[in-house]
Amino acid sequence: FSTYNMGWFRQAPGKEREFVAQLNW
């Protein structure tokens, strides 16, 4: 009930984690 958004990130070998997509509830 306290979650205001959810989304996805990804991380390839040797790279930093990066933002992919978000959904605002």
mmCIF file of all heavy atoms, coordinates in Angstrom:
data_MODEL
# 
_entry.id   MODEL 
# 
loop_
_atom_site.group_PDB 
_atom_site.id 
_atom_site.type_symbol 
_atom_site.label_atom_id 
_atom_site.label_alt_id 
_atom_site.label_comp_id 
_atom_site.label_asym_id 
_atom_site.label_entity_id 
_atom_site.label_seq_id 
_atom_site.pdbx_PDB_ins_code 
_atom_site.Cartn_x 
_atom_site.Cartn_y 
_atom_site.Cartn_z 
_atom_site.occupancy 
_atom_site.B_iso_or_equiv 
_atom_site.pdbx_formal_charge 
_atom_site.auth_seq_id 
_atom_site.auth_comp_id 
_atom_site.auth_asym_id 
_atom_site.auth_atom_id 
_atom_site.pdbx_PDB_model_num 
ATOM 1   N N   . PHE A 1 1  ? 0.815  -1.212 0.000   1.00 0.00 ? 1  PHE A N   1 
ATOM 2   C CA  . PHE A 1 1  ? 0.000  0.000  0.000   1.00 0.00 ? 1  PHE A CA  1 
ATOM 3   C C   . PHE A 1 1  ? 0.849  1.263  0.000   1.00 0.00 ? 1  PHE A C   1 
ATOM 4   O O   . PHE A 1 1  ? 0.382  2.333  -0.376  1.00 0.00 ? 1  PHE A O   1 
ATOM 5   C CB  . PHE A 1 1  ? -0.955 0.007  1.199   1.00 0.00 ? 1  PHE A CB  1 
ATOM 6   C CG  . PHE A 1 1  ? -0.264 0.037  2.530   1.00 0.00 ? 1  PHE A CG  1 
ATOM 7   C CD1 . PHE A 1 1  ? 0.097  1.235  3.122   1.00 0.00 ? 1  PHE A CD1 1 
ATOM 8   C CD2 . PHE A 1 1  ? 0.030  -1.143 3.189   1.00 0.00 ? 1  PHE A CD2 1 
ATOM 9   C CE1 . PHE A 1 1  ? 0.734  1.263  4.347   1.00 0.00 ? 1  PHE A CE1 1 
ATOM 10  C CE2 . PHE A 1 1  ? 0.670  -1.132 4.421   1.00 0.00 ? 1  PHE A CE2 1 
ATOM 11  C CZ  . PHE A 1 1  ? 1.023  0.076  4.993   1.00 0.00 ? 1  PHE A CZ  1 
ATOM 12  N N   . SER A 1 2  ? 2.080  1.146  0.419   1.00 0.00 ? 2  SER A N   1 
ATOM 13  C CA  . SER A 1 2  ? 2.969  2.302  0.492   1.00 0.00 ? 2  SER A CA  1 
ATOM 14  C C   . SER A 1 2  ? 3.817  2.487  -0.765  1.00 0.00 ? 2  SER A C   1 
ATOM 15  O O   . SER A 1 2  ? 4.595  3.437  -0.841  1.00 0.00 ? 2  SER A O   1 
ATOM 16  C CB  . SER A 1 2  ? 3.895  2.178  1.704   1.00 0.00 ? 2  SER A CB  1 
ATOM 17  O OG  . SER A 1 2  ? 4.741  1.053  1.587   1.00 0.00 ? 2  SER A OG  1 
ATOM 18  N N   . THR A 1 3  ? 3.663  1.623  -1.741  1.00 0.00 ? 3  THR A N   1 
ATOM 19  C CA  . THR A 1 3  ? 4.459  1.690  -2.962  1.00 0.00 ? 3  THR A CA  1 
ATOM 20  C C   . THR A 1 3  ? 3.863  2.700  -3.933  1.00 0.00 ? 3  THR A C   1 
ATOM 21  O O   . THR A 1 3  ? 2.710  2.569  -4.327  1.00 0.00 ? 3  THR A O   1 
ATOM 22  C CB  . THR A 1 3  ? 4.533  0.305  -3.631  1.00 0.00 ? 3  THR A CB  1 
ATOM 23  O OG1 . THR A 1 3  ? 5.114  -0.632 -2.708  1.00 0.00 ? 3  THR A OG1 1 
ATOM 24  C CG2 . THR A 1 3  ? 5.384  0.361  -4.890  1.00 0.00 ? 3  THR A CG2 1 
ATOM 25  N N   . TYR A 1 4  ? 4.656  3.697  -4.331  1.00 0.00 ? 4  TYR A N   1 
ATOM 26  C CA  . TYR A 1 4  ? 4.142  4.707  -5.254  1.00 0.00 ? 4  TYR A CA  1 
ATOM 27  C C   . TYR A 1 4  ? 4.585  4.478  -6.686  1.00 0.00 ? 4  TYR A C   1 
ATOM 28  O O   . TYR A 1 4  ? 3.954  4.991  -7.607  1.00 0.00 ? 4  TYR A O   1 
ATOM 29  C CB  . TYR A 1 4  ? 4.507  6.120  -4.799  1.00 0.00 ? 4  TYR A CB  1 
ATOM 30  C CG  . TYR A 1 4  ? 5.979  6.409  -4.693  1.00 0.00 ? 4  TYR A CG  1 
ATOM 31  C CD1 . TYR A 1 4  ? 6.700  6.835  -5.796  1.00 0.00 ? 4  TYR A CD1 1 
ATOM 32  C CD2 . TYR A 1 4  ? 6.645  6.283  -3.474  1.00 0.00 ? 4  TYR A CD2 1 
ATOM 33  C CE1 . TYR A 1 4  ? 8.053  7.121  -5.703  1.00 0.00 ? 4  TYR A CE1 1 
ATOM 34  C CE2 . TYR A 1 4  ? 7.989  6.567  -3.369  1.00 0.00 ? 4  TYR A CE2 1 
ATOM 35  C CZ  . TYR A 1 4  ? 8.692  6.986  -4.488  1.00 0.00 ? 4  TYR A CZ  1 
ATOM 36  O OH  . TYR A 1 4  ? 10.033 7.275  -4.389  1.00 0.00 ? 4  TYR A OH  1 
ATOM 37  N N   . ASN A 1 5  ? 5.668  3.756  -6.897  1.00 0.00 ? 5  ASN A N   1 
ATOM 38  C CA  . ASN A 1 5  ? 6.020  3.361  -8.250  1.00 0.00 ? 5  ASN A CA  1 
ATOM 39  C C   . ASN A 1 5  ? 6.783  2.043  -8.232  1.00 0.00 ? 5  ASN A C   1 
ATOM 40  O O   . ASN A 1 5  ? 7.268  1.600  -7.189  1.00 0.00 ? 5  ASN A O   1 
ATOM 41  C CB  . ASN A 1 5  ? 6.807  4.453  -8.993  1.00 0.00 ? 5  ASN A CB  1 
ATOM 42  C CG  . ASN A 1 5  ? 8.219  4.661  -8.466  1.00 0.00 ? 5  ASN A CG  1 
ATOM 43  O OD1 . ASN A 1 5  ? 8.711  3.946  -7.593  1.00 0.00 ? 5  ASN A OD1 1 
ATOM 44  N ND2 . ASN A 1 5  ? 8.893  5.663  -9.021  1.00 0.00 ? 5  ASN A ND2 1 
ATOM 45  N N   . MET A 1 6  ? 6.858  1.422  -9.382  1.00 0.00 ? 6  MET A N   1 
ATOM 46  C CA  . MET A 1 6  ? 7.665  0.233  -9.586  1.00 0.00 ? 6  MET A CA  1 
ATOM 47  C C   . MET A 1 6  ? 8.313  0.339  -10.955 1.00 0.00 ? 6  MET A C   1 
ATOM 48  O O   . MET A 1 6  ? 7.859  1.103  -11.804 1.00 0.00 ? 6  MET A O   1 
ATOM 49  C CB  . MET A 1 6  ? 6.836  -1.048 -9.484  1.00 0.00 ? 6  MET A CB  1 
ATOM 50  C CG  . MET A 1 6  ? 6.309  -1.326 -8.085  1.00 0.00 ? 6  MET A CG  1 
ATOM 51  S SD  . MET A 1 6  ? 5.263  -2.809 -7.970  1.00 0.00 ? 6  MET A SD  1 
ATOM 52  C CE  . MET A 1 6  ? 6.469  -4.094 -8.332  1.00 0.00 ? 6  MET A CE  1 
ATOM 53  N N   . GLY A 1 7  ? 9.357  -0.415 -11.147 1.00 0.00 ? 7  GLY A N   1 
ATOM 54  C CA  . GLY A 1 7  ? 10.028 -0.347 -12.429 1.00 0.00 ? 7  GLY A CA  1 
ATOM 55  C C   . GLY A 1 7  ? 11.105 -1.387 -12.573 1.00 0.00 ? 7  GLY A C   1 
ATOM 56  O O   . GLY A 1 7  ? 11.216 -2.321 -11.775 1.00 0.00 ? 7  GLY A O   1 
ATOM 57  N N   . TRP A 1 8  ? 11.909 -1.195 -13.621 1.00 0.00 ? 8  TRP A N   1 
ATOM 58  C CA  . TRP A 1 8  ? 12.934 -2.158 -13.980 1.00 0.00 ? 8  TRP A CA  1 
ATOM 59  C C   . TRP A 1 8  ? 14.267 -1.473 -14.223 1.00 0.00 ? 8  TRP A C   1 
ATOM 60  O O   . TRP A 1 8  ? 14.331 -0.382 -14.805 1.00 0.00 ? 8  TRP A O   1 
ATOM 61  C CB  . TRP A 1 8  ? 12.531 -2.934 -15.243 1.00 0.00 ? 8  TRP A CB  1 
ATOM 62  C CG  . TRP A 1 8  ? 11.300 -3.758 -15.059 1.00 0.00 ? 8  TRP A CG  1 
ATOM 63  C CD1 . TRP A 1 8  ? 10.012 -3.379 -15.289 1.00 0.00 ? 8  TRP A CD1 1 
ATOM 64  C CD2 . TRP A 1 8  ? 11.243 -5.113 -14.609 1.00 0.00 ? 8  TRP A CD2 1 
ATOM 65  N NE1 . TRP A 1 8  ? 9.152  -4.417 -15.003 1.00 0.00 ? 8  TRP A NE1 1 
ATOM 66  C CE2 . TRP A 1 8  ? 9.888  -5.491 -14.586 1.00 0.00 ? 8  TRP A CE2 1 
ATOM 67  C CE3 . TRP A 1 8  ? 12.209 -6.043 -14.221 1.00 0.00 ? 8  TRP A CE3 1 
ATOM 68  C CZ2 . TRP A 1 8  ? 9.469  -6.762 -14.197 1.00 0.00 ? 8  TRP A CZ2 1 
ATOM 69  C CZ3 . TRP A 1 8  ? 11.797 -7.304 -13.834 1.00 0.00 ? 8  TRP A CZ3 1 
ATOM 70  C CH2 . TRP A 1 8  ? 10.443 -7.647 -13.824 1.00 0.00 ? 8  TRP A CH2 1 
ATOM 71  N N   . PHE A 1 9  ? 15.312 -2.128 -13.772 1.00 0.00 ? 9  PHE A N   1 
ATOM 72  C CA  . PHE A 1 9  ? 16.686 -1.739 -14.031 1.00 0.00 ? 9  PHE A CA  1 
ATOM 73  C C   . PHE A 1 9  ? 17.417 -2.946 -14.604 1.00 0.00 ? 9  PHE A C   1 
ATOM 74  O O   . PHE A 1 9  ? 16.927 -4.075 -14.518 1.00 0.00 ? 9  PHE A O   1 
ATOM 75  C CB  . PHE A 1 9  ? 17.376 -1.265 -12.747 1.00 0.00 ? 9  PHE A CB  1 
ATOM 76  C CG  . PHE A 1 9  ? 16.775 -0.020 -12.154 1.00 0.00 ? 9  PHE A CG  1 
ATOM 77  C CD1 . PHE A 1 9  ? 15.568 -0.067 -11.473 1.00 0.00 ? 9  PHE A CD1 1 
ATOM 78  C CD2 . PHE A 1 9  ? 17.417 1.199  -12.274 1.00 0.00 ? 9  PHE A CD2 1 
ATOM 79  C CE1 . PHE A 1 9  ? 15.009 1.074  -10.919 1.00 0.00 ? 9  PHE A CE1 1 
ATOM 80  C CE2 . PHE A 1 9  ? 16.869 2.351  -11.724 1.00 0.00 ? 9  PHE A CE2 1 
ATOM 81  C CZ  . PHE A 1 9  ? 15.665 2.284  -11.054 1.00 0.00 ? 9  PHE A CZ  1 
ATOM 82  N N   . ARG A 1 10 ? 18.581 -2.718 -15.177 1.00 0.00 ? 10 ARG A N   1 
ATOM 83  C CA  . ARG A 1 10 ? 19.363 -3.832 -15.687 1.00 0.00 ? 10 ARG A CA  1 
ATOM 84  C C   . ARG A 1 10 ? 20.845 -3.557 -15.508 1.00 0.00 ? 10 ARG A C   1 
ATOM 85  O O   . ARG A 1 10 ? 21.277 -2.414 -15.435 1.00 0.00 ? 10 ARG A O   1 
ATOM 86  C CB  . ARG A 1 10 ? 19.047 -4.117 -17.159 1.00 0.00 ? 10 ARG A CB  1 
ATOM 87  C CG  . ARG A 1 10 ? 19.465 -3.019 -18.129 1.00 0.00 ? 10 ARG A CG  1 
ATOM 88  C CD  . ARG A 1 10 ? 18.973 -3.335 -19.533 1.00 0.00 ? 10 ARG A CD  1 
ATOM 89  N NE  . ARG A 1 10 ? 19.407 -2.342 -20.506 1.00 0.00 ? 10 ARG A NE  1 
ATOM 90  C CZ  . ARG A 1 10 ? 19.028 -2.329 -21.783 1.00 0.00 ? 10 ARG A CZ  1 
ATOM 91  N NH1 . ARG A 1 10 ? 18.203 -3.267 -22.246 1.00 0.00 ? 10 ARG A NH1 1 
ATOM 92  N NH2 . ARG A 1 10 ? 19.472 -1.386 -22.603 1.00 0.00 ? 10 ARG A NH2 1 
ATOM 93  N N   . GLN A 1 11 ? 21.613 -4.631 -15.444 1.00 0.00 ? 11 GLN A N   1 
ATOM 94  C CA  . GLN A 1 11 ? 23.046 -4.512 -15.278 1.00 0.00 ? 11 GLN A CA  1 
ATOM 95  C C   . GLN A 1 11 ? 23.741 -5.594 -16.094 1.00 0.00 ? 11 GLN A C   1 
ATOM 96  O O   . GLN A 1 11 ? 23.528 -6.783 -15.872 1.00 0.00 ? 11 GLN A O   1 
ATOM 97  C CB  . GLN A 1 11 ? 23.441 -4.623 -13.807 1.00 0.00 ? 11 GLN A CB  1 
ATOM 98  C CG  . GLN A 1 11 ? 24.899 -4.327 -13.539 1.00 0.00 ? 11 GLN A CG  1 
ATOM 99  C CD  . GLN A 1 11 ? 25.185 -4.125 -12.068 1.00 0.00 ? 11 GLN A CD  1 
ATOM 100 O OE1 . GLN A 1 11 ? 24.406 -4.512 -11.210 1.00 0.00 ? 11 GLN A OE1 1 
ATOM 101 N NE2 . GLN A 1 11 ? 26.306 -3.499 -11.768 1.00 0.00 ? 11 GLN A NE2 1 
ATOM 102 N N   . ALA A 1 12 ? 24.549 -5.162 -17.043 1.00 0.00 ? 12 ALA A N   1 
ATOM 103 C CA  . ALA A 1 12 ? 25.344 -6.062 -17.854 1.00 0.00 ? 12 ALA A CA  1 
ATOM 104 C C   . ALA A 1 12 ? 26.716 -6.235 -17.216 1.00 0.00 ? 12 ALA A C   1 
ATOM 105 O O   . ALA A 1 12 ? 27.171 -5.366 -16.464 1.00 0.00 ? 12 ALA A O   1 
ATOM 106 C CB  . ALA A 1 12 ? 25.479 -5.521 -19.271 1.00 0.00 ? 12 ALA A CB  1 
ATOM 107 N N   . PRO A 1 13 ? 27.412 -7.332 -17.519 1.00 0.00 ? 13 PRO A N   1 
ATOM 108 C CA  . PRO A 1 13 ? 28.745 -7.544 -16.952 1.00 0.00 ? 13 PRO A CA  1 
ATOM 109 C C   . PRO A 1 13 ? 29.686 -6.384 -17.253 1.00 0.00 ? 13 PRO A C   1 
ATOM 110 O O   . PRO A 1 13 ? 29.786 -5.940 -18.397 1.00 0.00 ? 13 PRO A O   1 
ATOM 111 C CB  . PRO A 1 13 ? 29.216 -8.825 -17.636 1.00 0.00 ? 13 PRO A CB  1 
ATOM 112 C CG  . PRO A 1 13 ? 27.950 -9.551 -17.965 1.00 0.00 ? 13 PRO A CG  1 
ATOM 113 C CD  . PRO A 1 13 ? 26.977 -8.472 -18.340 1.00 0.00 ? 13 PRO A CD  1 
ATOM 114 N N   . GLY A 1 14 ? 30.344 -5.885 -16.226 1.00 0.00 ? 14 GLY A N   1 
ATOM 115 C CA  . GLY A 1 14 ? 31.288 -4.797 -16.393 1.00 0.00 ? 14 GLY A CA  1 
ATOM 116 C C   . GLY A 1 14 ? 30.670 -3.424 -16.512 1.00 0.00 ? 14 GLY A C   1 
ATOM 117 O O   . GLY A 1 14 ? 31.399 -2.446 -16.706 1.00 0.00 ? 14 GLY A O   1 
ATOM 118 N N   . LYS A 1 15 ? 29.352 -3.325 -16.407 1.00 0.00 ? 15 LYS A N   1 
ATOM 119 C CA  . LYS A 1 15 ? 28.676 -2.046 -16.528 1.00 0.00 ? 15 LYS A CA  1 
ATOM 120 C C   . LYS A 1 15 ? 27.905 -1.718 -15.254 1.00 0.00 ? 15 LYS A C   1 
ATOM 121 O O   . LYS A 1 15 ? 27.600 -2.594 -14.456 1.00 0.00 ? 15 LYS A O   1 
ATOM 122 C CB  . LYS A 1 15 ? 27.716 -2.047 -17.721 1.00 0.00 ? 15 LYS A CB  1 
ATOM 123 C CG  . LYS A 1 15 ? 28.392 -2.164 -19.076 1.00 0.00 ? 15 LYS A CG  1 
ATOM 124 C CD  . LYS A 1 15 ? 27.378 -2.023 -20.195 1.00 0.00 ? 15 LYS A CD  1 
ATOM 125 C CE  . LYS A 1 15 ? 28.038 -2.065 -21.553 1.00 0.00 ? 15 LYS A CE  1 
ATOM 126 N NZ  . LYS A 1 15 ? 27.045 -1.900 -22.654 1.00 0.00 ? 15 LYS A NZ  1 
ATOM 127 N N   . GLU A 1 16 ? 27.601 -0.433 -15.090 1.00 0.00 ? 16 GLU A N   1 
ATOM 128 C CA  . GLU A 1 16 ? 26.805 -0.002 -13.963 1.00 0.00 ? 16 GLU A CA  1 
ATOM 129 C C   . GLU A 1 16 ? 25.343 -0.350 -14.186 1.00 0.00 ? 16 GLU A C   1 
ATOM 130 O O   . GLU A 1 16 ? 24.884 -0.497 -15.323 1.00 0.00 ? 16 GLU A O   1 
ATOM 131 C CB  . GLU A 1 16 ? 26.946 1.500  -13.748 1.00 0.00 ? 16 GLU A CB  1 
ATOM 132 C CG  . GLU A 1 16 ? 28.339 1.953  -13.357 1.00 0.00 ? 16 GLU A CG  1 
ATOM 133 C CD  . GLU A 1 16 ? 28.407 3.437  -13.089 1.00 0.00 ? 16 GLU A CD  1 
ATOM 134 O OE1 . GLU A 1 16 ? 27.452 4.156  -13.426 1.00 0.00 ? 16 GLU A OE1 1 
ATOM 135 O OE2 . GLU A 1 16 ? 29.427 3.883  -12.532 1.00 0.00 ? 16 GLU A OE2 1 
ATOM 136 N N   . ARG A 1 17 ? 24.620 -0.479 -13.092 1.00 0.00 ? 17 ARG A N   1 
ATOM 137 C CA  . ARG A 1 17 ? 23.194 -0.708 -13.196 1.00 0.00 ? 17 ARG A CA  1 
ATOM 138 C C   . ARG A 1 17 ? 22.517 0.515  -13.802 1.00 0.00 ? 17 ARG A C   1 
ATOM 139 O O   . ARG A 1 17 ? 22.803 1.657  -13.416 1.00 0.00 ? 17 ARG A O   1 
ATOM 140 C CB  . ARG A 1 17 ? 22.610 -1.013 -11.818 1.00 0.00 ? 17 ARG A CB  1 
ATOM 141 C CG  . ARG A 1 17 ? 21.183 -1.521 -11.851 1.00 0.00 ? 17 ARG A CG  1 
ATOM 142 C CD  . ARG A 1 17 ? 20.770 -2.091 -10.488 1.00 0.00 ? 17 ARG A CD  1 
ATOM 143 N NE  . ARG A 1 17 ? 21.609 -3.216 -10.105 1.00 0.00 ? 17 ARG A NE  1 
ATOM 144 C CZ  . ARG A 1 17 ? 21.391 -3.968 -9.031  1.00 0.00 ? 17 ARG A CZ  1 
ATOM 145 N NH1 . ARG A 1 17 ? 20.359 -3.724 -8.238  1.00 0.00 ? 17 ARG A NH1 1 
ATOM 146 N NH2 . ARG A 1 17 ? 22.223 -4.968 -8.744  1.00 0.00 ? 17 ARG A NH2 1 
ATOM 147 N N   . GLU A 1 18 ? 21.610 0.296  -14.760 1.00 0.00 ? 18 GLU A N   1 
ATOM 148 C CA  . GLU A 1 18 ? 20.966 1.394  -15.444 1.00 0.00 ? 18 GLU A CA  1 
ATOM 149 C C   . GLU A 1 18 ? 19.448 1.267  -15.403 1.00 0.00 ? 18 GLU A C   1 
ATOM 150 O O   . GLU A 1 18 ? 18.890 0.168  -15.362 1.00 0.00 ? 18 GLU A O   1 
ATOM 151 C CB  . GLU A 1 18 ? 21.438 1.492  -16.897 1.00 0.00 ? 18 GLU A CB  1 
ATOM 152 C CG  . GLU A 1 18 ? 21.054 0.304  -17.763 1.00 0.00 ? 18 GLU A CG  1 
ATOM 153 C CD  . GLU A 1 18 ? 21.453 0.468  -19.218 1.00 0.00 ? 18 GLU A CD  1 
ATOM 154 O OE1 . GLU A 1 18 ? 21.830 1.586  -19.618 1.00 0.00 ? 18 GLU A OE1 1 
ATOM 155 O OE2 . GLU A 1 18 ? 21.393 -0.530 -19.964 1.00 0.00 ? 18 GLU A OE2 1 
ATOM 156 N N   . PHE A 1 19 ? 18.809 2.417  -15.436 1.00 0.00 ? 19 PHE A N   1 
ATOM 157 C CA  . PHE A 1 19 ? 17.359 2.481  -15.441 1.00 0.00 ? 19 PHE A CA  1 
ATOM 158 C C   . PHE A 1 19 ? 16.805 2.017  -16.774 1.00 0.00 ? 19 PHE A C   1 
ATOM 159 O O   . PHE A 1 19 ? 17.363 2.309  -17.830 1.00 0.00 ? 19 PHE A O   1 
ATOM 160 C CB  . PHE A 1 19 ? 16.915 3.917  -15.154 1.00 0.00 ? 19 PHE A CB  1 
ATOM 161 C CG  . PHE A 1 19 ? 15.472 4.180  -15.460 1.00 0.00 ? 19 PHE A CG  1 
ATOM 162 C CD1 . PHE A 1 19 ? 14.473 3.731  -14.609 1.00 0.00 ? 19 PHE A CD1 1 
ATOM 163 C CD2 . PHE A 1 19 ? 15.105 4.878  -16.596 1.00 0.00 ? 19 PHE A CD2 1 
ATOM 164 C CE1 . PHE A 1 19 ? 13.144 3.970  -14.887 1.00 0.00 ? 19 PHE A CE1 1 
ATOM 165 C CE2 . PHE A 1 19 ? 13.784 5.120  -16.886 1.00 0.00 ? 19 PHE A CE2 1 
ATOM 166 C CZ  . PHE A 1 19 ? 12.801 4.664  -16.025 1.00 0.00 ? 19 PHE A CZ  1 
ATOM 167 N N   . VAL A 1 20 ? 15.675 1.303  -16.732 1.00 0.00 ? 20 VAL A N   1 
ATOM 168 C CA  . VAL A 1 20 ? 15.016 0.817  -17.941 1.00 0.00 ? 20 VAL A CA  1 
ATOM 169 C C   . VAL A 1 20 ? 13.628 1.419  -18.110 1.00 0.00 ? 20 VAL A C   1 
ATOM 170 O O   . VAL A 1 20 ? 13.322 2.026  -19.138 1.00 0.00 ? 20 VAL A O   1 
ATOM 171 C CB  . VAL A 1 20 ? 14.913 -0.715 -17.944 1.00 0.00 ? 20 VAL A CB  1 
ATOM 172 C CG1 . VAL A 1 20 ? 14.133 -1.203 -19.167 1.00 0.00 ? 20 VAL A CG1 1 
ATOM 173 C CG2 . VAL A 1 20 ? 16.306 -1.337 -17.923 1.00 0.00 ? 20 VAL A CG2 1 
ATOM 174 N N   . ALA A 1 21 ? 12.762 1.247  -17.110 1.00 0.00 ? 21 ALA A N   1 
ATOM 175 C CA  . ALA A 1 21 ? 11.383 1.711  -17.235 1.00 0.00 ? 21 ALA A CA  1 
ATOM 176 C C   . ALA A 1 21 ? 10.749 1.843  -15.864 1.00 0.00 ? 21 ALA A C   1 
ATOM 177 O O   . ALA A 1 21 ? 11.133 1.144  -14.926 1.00 0.00 ? 21 ALA A O   1 
ATOM 178 C CB  . ALA A 1 21 ? 10.561 0.747  -18.096 1.00 0.00 ? 21 ALA A CB  1 
ATOM 179 N N   . GLN A 1 22 ? 9.756  2.733  -15.753 1.00 0.00 ? 22 GLN A N   1 
ATOM 180 C CA  . GLN A 1 22 ? 9.018  2.862  -14.507 1.00 0.00 ? 22 GLN A CA  1 
ATOM 181 C C   . GLN A 1 22 ? 7.531  3.034  -14.767 1.00 0.00 ? 22 GLN A C   1 
ATOM 182 O O   . GLN A 1 22 ? 7.116  3.516  -15.818 1.00 0.00 ? 22 GLN A O   1 
ATOM 183 C CB  . GLN A 1 22 ? 9.527  4.028  -13.656 1.00 0.00 ? 22 GLN A CB  1 
ATOM 184 C CG  . GLN A 1 22 ? 9.094  5.408  -14.119 1.00 0.00 ? 22 GLN A CG  1 
ATOM 185 C CD  . GLN A 1 22 ? 9.525  6.497  -13.160 1.00 0.00 ? 22 GLN A CD  1 
ATOM 186 O OE1 . GLN A 1 22 ? 10.723 6.728  -12.966 1.00 0.00 ? 22 GLN A OE1 1 
ATOM 187 N NE2 . GLN A 1 22 ? 8.551  7.174  -12.555 1.00 0.00 ? 22 GLN A NE2 1 
ATOM 188 N N   . LEU A 1 23 ? 6.747  2.647  -13.772 1.00 0.00 ? 23 LEU A N   1 
ATOM 189 C CA  . LEU A 1 23 ? 5.302  2.811  -13.773 1.00 0.00 ? 23 LEU A CA  1 
ATOM 190 C C   . LEU A 1 23 ? 4.897  3.500  -12.480 1.00 0.00 ? 23 LEU A C   1 
ATOM 191 O O   . LEU A 1 23 ? 5.237  3.038  -11.390 1.00 0.00 ? 23 LEU A O   1 
ATOM 192 C CB  . LEU A 1 23 ? 4.604  1.453  -13.883 1.00 0.00 ? 23 LEU A CB  1 
ATOM 193 C CG  . LEU A 1 23 ? 3.088  1.444  -13.678 1.00 0.00 ? 23 LEU A CG  1 
ATOM 194 C CD1 . LEU A 1 23 ? 2.386  2.133  -14.841 1.00 0.00 ? 23 LEU A CD1 1 
ATOM 195 C CD2 . LEU A 1 23 ? 2.577  0.023  -13.519 1.00 0.00 ? 23 LEU A CD2 1 
ATOM 196 N N   . ASN A 1 24 ? 4.182  4.608  -12.608 1.00 0.00 ? 24 ASN A N   1 
ATOM 197 C CA  . ASN A 1 24 ? 3.664  5.324  -11.449 1.00 0.00 ? 24 ASN A CA  1 
ATOM 198 C C   . ASN A 1 24 ? 2.241  4.854  -11.189 1.00 0.00 ? 24 ASN A C   1 
ATOM 199 O O   . ASN A 1 24 ? 1.377  4.969  -12.056 1.00 0.00 ? 24 ASN A O   1 
ATOM 200 C CB  . ASN A 1 24 ? 3.692  6.827  -11.691 1.00 0.00 ? 24 ASN A CB  1 
ATOM 201 C CG  . ASN A 1 24 ? 5.083  7.341  -11.970 1.00 0.00 ? 24 ASN A CG  1 
ATOM 202 O OD1 . ASN A 1 24 ? 6.007  7.097  -11.197 1.00 0.00 ? 24 ASN A OD1 1 
ATOM 203 N ND2 . ASN A 1 24 ? 5.253  8.060  -13.069 1.00 0.00 ? 24 ASN A ND2 1 
ATOM 204 N N   . TRP A 1 25 ? 2.013  4.330  -9.990  1.00 0.00 ? 25 TRP A N   1 
ATOM 205 C CA  . TRP A 1 25 ? 0.707  3.745  -9.699  1.00 0.00 ? 25 TRP A CA  1 
ATOM 206 C C   . TRP A 1 25 ? -0.410 4.763  -9.644  1.00 0.00 ? 25 TRP A C   1 
ATOM 207 O O   . TRP A 1 25 ? -1.551 4.439  -9.980  1.00 0.00 ? 25 TRP A O   1 
ATOM 208 C CB  . TRP A 1 25 ? 0.761  2.975  -8.380  1.00 0.00 ? 25 TRP A CB  1 
ATOM 209 C CG  . TRP A 1 25 ? 1.518  1.691  -8.449  1.00 0.00 ? 25 TRP A CG  1 
ATOM 210 C CD1 . TRP A 1 25 ? 2.672  1.384  -7.806  1.00 0.00 ? 25 TRP A CD1 1 
ATOM 211 C CD2 . TRP A 1 25 ? 1.165  0.528  -9.208  1.00 0.00 ? 25 TRP A CD2 1 
ATOM 212 N NE1 . TRP A 1 25 ? 3.068  0.107  -8.103  1.00 0.00 ? 25 TRP A NE1 1 
ATOM 213 C CE2 . TRP A 1 25 ? 2.162  -0.439 -8.961  1.00 0.00 ? 25 TRP A CE2 1 
ATOM 214 C CE3 . TRP A 1 25 ? 0.105  0.211  -10.063 1.00 0.00 ? 25 TRP A CE3 1 
ATOM 215 C CZ2 . TRP A 1 25 ? 2.134  -1.712 -9.542  1.00 0.00 ? 25 TRP A CZ2 1 
ATOM 216 C CZ3 . TRP A 1 25 ? 0.080  -1.046 -10.645 1.00 0.00 ? 25 TRP A CZ3 1 
ATOM 217 C CH2 . TRP A 1 25 ? 1.084  -1.989 -10.383 1.00 0.00 ? 25 TRP A CH2 1 
# 
